[in-house]
Amino acid sequence: MINIPQHPKILAFVGMAGSGKSEAATYAQKVTGLPVIYFGQLTRDEVKKRGLELTPANERIVREDLRREFGMDVYAKRAVPVIRRHLEDNGSVLIDGLYSLAEWELLIKEFPQLAVVAILASPAVRYERLRERSDRPFSKDEARERDINELRNLEKGGPLAMATHFIINDETKKQLDEKVHAILEKEELV
C-alpha cells in the first residue's frame, strides 16, 4: 500500500557505481510501493536506439554525448514531467541515480521537497561488488576509471556533497535495508 504523505516527497538515491544505490531504491520501492524513476535508463535506451551493444564503454559515450548536446542537466530535464505525473498520481516518487550537480540544481529548484540519500561505500568494497555482478561487470581498473570519469566529467560529486542523508554501505544487505528504512520513517514515507 502506498503511504501518501501530507507533503509530497521526492527521495533520490545517489552514489558511485557499486555503492548500493539501486539496492536502496529497490528496497524503498518494495516498502513504500512508490514508483522509481531510473535516470540511467535514459542512457540504456539511447544506446539501444543507436544500435550499439550495451557495454560500459558505449554507455559512457552516450552519457557524455547527451550531456554535451543537451547540457549537464539533460537527465533531470527529461525526468521533470515524469516526476510531476508521479507526484500527482502517488504523492511521492523515488529516483535511482541523480548524477550531476546541474541535475541536482534543476530538481531542487523545481521540487524543493527533494531529499537526497547518499549511499557511500569504500572503493575496495564497490569494486568487488562491480566485479561480481552478473549484469555489466567491471574489472577493478574499469571501475576506477569510471569513478574518475564520473567525478571529473559528470559532476557526480555535487549530489553526493549536497545529500540530505548519508548511509555507509560497507556491510550486509540487511543492514542497508535497515538504514534505508530509518530514512523512509524520517521522511514520513512509511
Protein backbone atom coordinates (compact mmCIF):
# COMPACT_ATOMS: atom_id res chain seq x y z
CA MET A 1 0.00 0.00 0.00
CA ILE A 2 1.28 3.46 -0.86
CA ASN A 3 1.62 5.84 2.05
CA ILE A 4 0.83 9.30 0.65
CA PRO A 5 2.45 11.88 2.91
CA GLN A 6 0.84 15.22 3.66
CA HIS A 7 3.61 16.95 1.76
CA PRO A 8 4.78 15.30 -1.48
CA LYS A 9 8.26 13.87 -1.28
CA ILE A 10 10.94 13.07 -3.79
CA LEU A 11 13.63 10.79 -2.45
CA ALA A 12 16.67 10.44 -4.71
CA PHE A 13 19.35 7.80 -4.12
CA VAL A 14 22.86 8.79 -5.23
CA GLY A 15 26.22 7.08 -5.06
CA MET A 16 29.17 5.89 -7.03
CA ALA A 17 28.87 2.69 -9.08
CA GLY A 18 28.65 -0.32 -6.78
CA SER A 19 27.67 1.72 -3.71
CA GLY A 20 24.25 0.10 -3.42
CA LYS A 21 22.04 2.98 -4.58
CA SER A 22 19.89 0.71 -6.78
CA GLU A 23 19.60 -1.82 -3.93
CA ALA A 24 18.47 1.02 -1.65
CA ALA A 25 15.94 2.33 -4.22
CA THR A 26 14.60 -1.19 -4.79
CA TYR A 27 14.11 -1.70 -1.06
CA ALA A 28 12.43 1.71 -0.72
CA GLN A 29 10.06 0.84 -3.58
CA LYS A 30 9.23 -2.52 -2.02
CA VAL A 31 8.41 -0.95 1.34
CA THR A 32 6.54 2.15 0.11
CA GLY A 33 5.00 0.94 -3.16
CA LEU A 34 6.17 4.17 -4.79
CA PRO A 35 7.41 4.29 -8.39
CA VAL A 36 11.12 4.61 -9.12
CA ILE A 37 12.50 6.78 -11.89
CA TYR A 38 15.81 5.28 -13.04
CA PHE A 39 17.95 8.06 -14.56
CA GLY A 40 20.35 5.50 -16.06
CA GLN A 41 17.55 4.08 -18.21
CA LEU A 42 17.85 7.12 -20.50
CA THR A 43 21.41 6.05 -21.27
CA ARG A 44 20.45 2.43 -21.90
CA ASP A 45 17.55 3.47 -24.14
CA GLU A 46 19.82 5.76 -26.17
CA VAL A 47 22.49 3.04 -26.53
CA LYS A 48 19.84 0.69 -27.95
CA LYS A 49 18.37 3.45 -30.16
CA ARG A 50 21.82 3.97 -31.69
CA GLY A 51 22.08 0.24 -32.39
CA LEU A 52 25.05 -0.19 -30.09
CA GLU A 53 25.84 -3.07 -27.80
CA LEU A 54 25.07 -2.33 -24.14
CA THR A 55 28.61 -2.08 -22.75
CA PRO A 56 30.20 0.25 -20.18
CA ALA A 57 32.21 1.92 -22.97
CA ASN A 58 29.11 2.61 -25.09
CA GLU A 59 27.17 3.82 -22.06
CA ARG A 60 29.97 6.28 -21.28
CA ILE A 61 29.99 7.58 -24.86
CA VAL A 62 26.22 8.07 -24.83
CA ARG A 63 26.19 9.74 -21.36
CA GLU A 64 28.85 12.20 -22.46
CA ASP A 65 27.22 12.80 -25.87
CA LEU A 66 23.81 13.54 -24.31
CA ARG A 67 25.29 15.96 -21.80
CA ARG A 68 27.45 17.65 -24.43
CA GLU A 69 24.46 18.11 -26.75
CA PHE A 70 21.71 18.92 -24.23
CA GLY A 71 23.54 20.12 -21.10
CA MET A 72 24.68 18.59 -17.83
CA ASP A 73 21.09 18.55 -16.55
CA VAL A 74 19.61 16.64 -19.51
CA TYR A 75 18.51 13.67 -17.41
CA ALA A 76 16.71 15.88 -14.89
CA LYS A 77 15.10 17.96 -17.64
CA ARG A 78 13.68 14.82 -19.20
CA ALA A 79 12.56 13.49 -15.83
CA VAL A 80 10.67 16.59 -14.64
CA PRO A 81 7.37 15.79 -16.46
CA VAL A 82 7.56 12.17 -15.27
CA ILE A 83 8.21 13.31 -11.69
CA ARG A 84 5.25 15.71 -11.84
CA ARG A 85 2.99 12.92 -13.11
CA HIS A 86 4.09 10.58 -10.32
CA LEU A 87 3.60 13.29 -7.68
CA GLU A 88 0.04 13.82 -8.93
CA ASP A 89 -0.70 10.09 -9.05
CA ASN A 90 1.15 8.85 -5.96
CA GLY A 91 2.01 11.87 -3.83
CA SER A 92 5.69 10.93 -3.84
CA VAL A 93 8.35 9.35 -6.06
CA LEU A 94 11.75 7.71 -5.76
CA ILE A 95 14.74 8.41 -8.02
CA ASP A 96 17.58 5.97 -8.62
CA GLY A 97 20.69 7.79 -9.75
CA LEU A 98 20.91 11.56 -9.70
CA TYR A 99 24.29 12.07 -11.36
CA SER A 100 25.33 15.70 -11.74
CA LEU A 101 25.35 18.91 -9.76
CA ALA A 102 23.39 20.57 -12.58
CA GLU A 103 20.68 17.88 -12.26
CA TRP A 104 20.51 18.43 -8.50
CA GLU A 105 20.25 22.21 -9.00
CA LEU A 106 17.42 21.86 -11.52
CA LEU A 107 15.50 19.40 -9.36
CA ILE A 108 15.88 21.32 -6.09
CA LYS A 109 14.63 24.46 -7.88
CA GLU A 110 11.63 22.63 -9.40
CA PHE A 111 10.95 20.47 -6.34
CA PRO A 112 12.07 22.00 -3.02
CA GLN A 113 10.81 18.85 -1.28
CA LEU A 114 13.67 16.84 -2.81
CA ALA A 115 15.63 14.80 -0.28
CA VAL A 116 18.84 13.12 -1.39
CA VAL A 117 20.20 9.93 0.15
CA ALA A 118 23.92 9.39 -0.50
CA ILE A 119 24.89 5.72 -0.40
CA LEU A 120 28.61 5.52 0.35
CA ALA A 121 30.98 2.55 0.24
CA SER A 122 34.75 2.30 0.05
CA PRO A 123 36.29 1.82 -3.40
CA ALA A 124 37.54 -1.65 -2.39
CA VAL A 125 34.02 -2.77 -1.48
CA ARG A 126 32.43 -1.15 -4.54
CA TYR A 127 34.98 -2.56 -6.97
CA GLU A 128 34.49 -6.07 -5.60
CA ARG A 129 30.70 -5.72 -5.97
CA LEU A 130 31.10 -4.47 -9.53
CA ARG A 131 33.45 -7.32 -10.40
CA GLU A 132 30.98 -9.90 -9.06
CA ARG A 133 27.74 -8.59 -10.53
CA SER A 134 26.20 -10.57 -13.37
CA ASP A 135 24.82 -7.55 -15.25
CA ARG A 136 27.61 -5.42 -16.76
CA PRO A 137 30.54 -6.46 -14.54
CA PHE A 138 33.60 -4.20 -14.27
CA SER A 139 37.22 -5.02 -13.58
CA LYS A 140 38.90 -3.03 -10.81
CA ASP A 141 40.66 -0.85 -13.40
CA GLU A 142 37.40 -0.25 -15.32
CA ALA A 143 35.58 0.66 -12.11
CA ARG A 144 38.31 3.07 -11.03
CA GLU A 145 38.39 4.67 -14.49
CA ARG A 146 34.59 5.07 -14.36
CA ASP A 147 34.82 6.71 -10.91
CA ILE A 148 37.37 9.23 -12.10
CA ASN A 149 35.44 9.95 -15.30
CA GLU A 150 32.15 10.47 -13.45
CA LEU A 151 33.69 12.72 -10.83
CA ARG A 152 35.67 14.76 -13.36
CA ASN A 153 33.29 14.90 -16.34
CA LEU A 154 29.79 14.33 -14.93
CA GLU A 155 29.91 16.45 -11.75
CA LYS A 156 28.90 13.37 -9.76
CA GLY A 157 30.39 14.68 -6.53
CA GLY A 158 27.84 17.51 -6.36
CA PRO A 159 24.75 15.49 -5.43
CA LEU A 160 26.84 13.42 -3.01
CA ALA A 161 28.05 16.57 -1.26
CA MET A 162 24.55 18.10 -1.15
CA ALA A 163 22.82 14.99 0.23
CA THR A 164 20.24 15.26 2.98
CA HIS A 165 21.02 11.80 4.39
CA PHE A 166 24.11 9.58 4.32
CA ILE A 167 24.35 5.81 4.54
CA ILE A 168 27.64 3.92 4.82
CA ASN A 169 27.11 0.65 2.95
CA ASP A 170 30.20 -1.46 3.58
CA GLU A 171 28.17 -4.14 5.35
CA THR A 172 25.30 -6.54 4.59
CA LYS A 173 22.17 -6.04 2.50
CA LYS A 174 20.09 -6.44 5.66
CA GLN A 175 21.99 -3.58 7.32
CA LEU A 176 21.50 -1.42 4.22
CA ASP A 177 17.76 -2.15 4.28
CA GLU A 178 17.57 -1.18 7.95
CA LYS A 179 19.34 2.12 7.29
CA VAL A 180 17.09 2.90 4.32
CA HIS A 181 14.03 2.05 6.40
CA ALA A 182 15.11 4.52 9.09
CA ILE A 183 15.34 7.26 6.45
CA LEU A 184 11.94 6.33 5.00
CA GLU A 185 10.49 6.73 8.50
CA LYS A 186 12.26 10.06 8.99
CA GLU A 187 10.89 11.29 5.64
CA GLU A 188 7.40 10.00 6.61
CA LEU A 189 7.20 7.61 3.66
CA VAL A 190 6.37 4.56 5.83
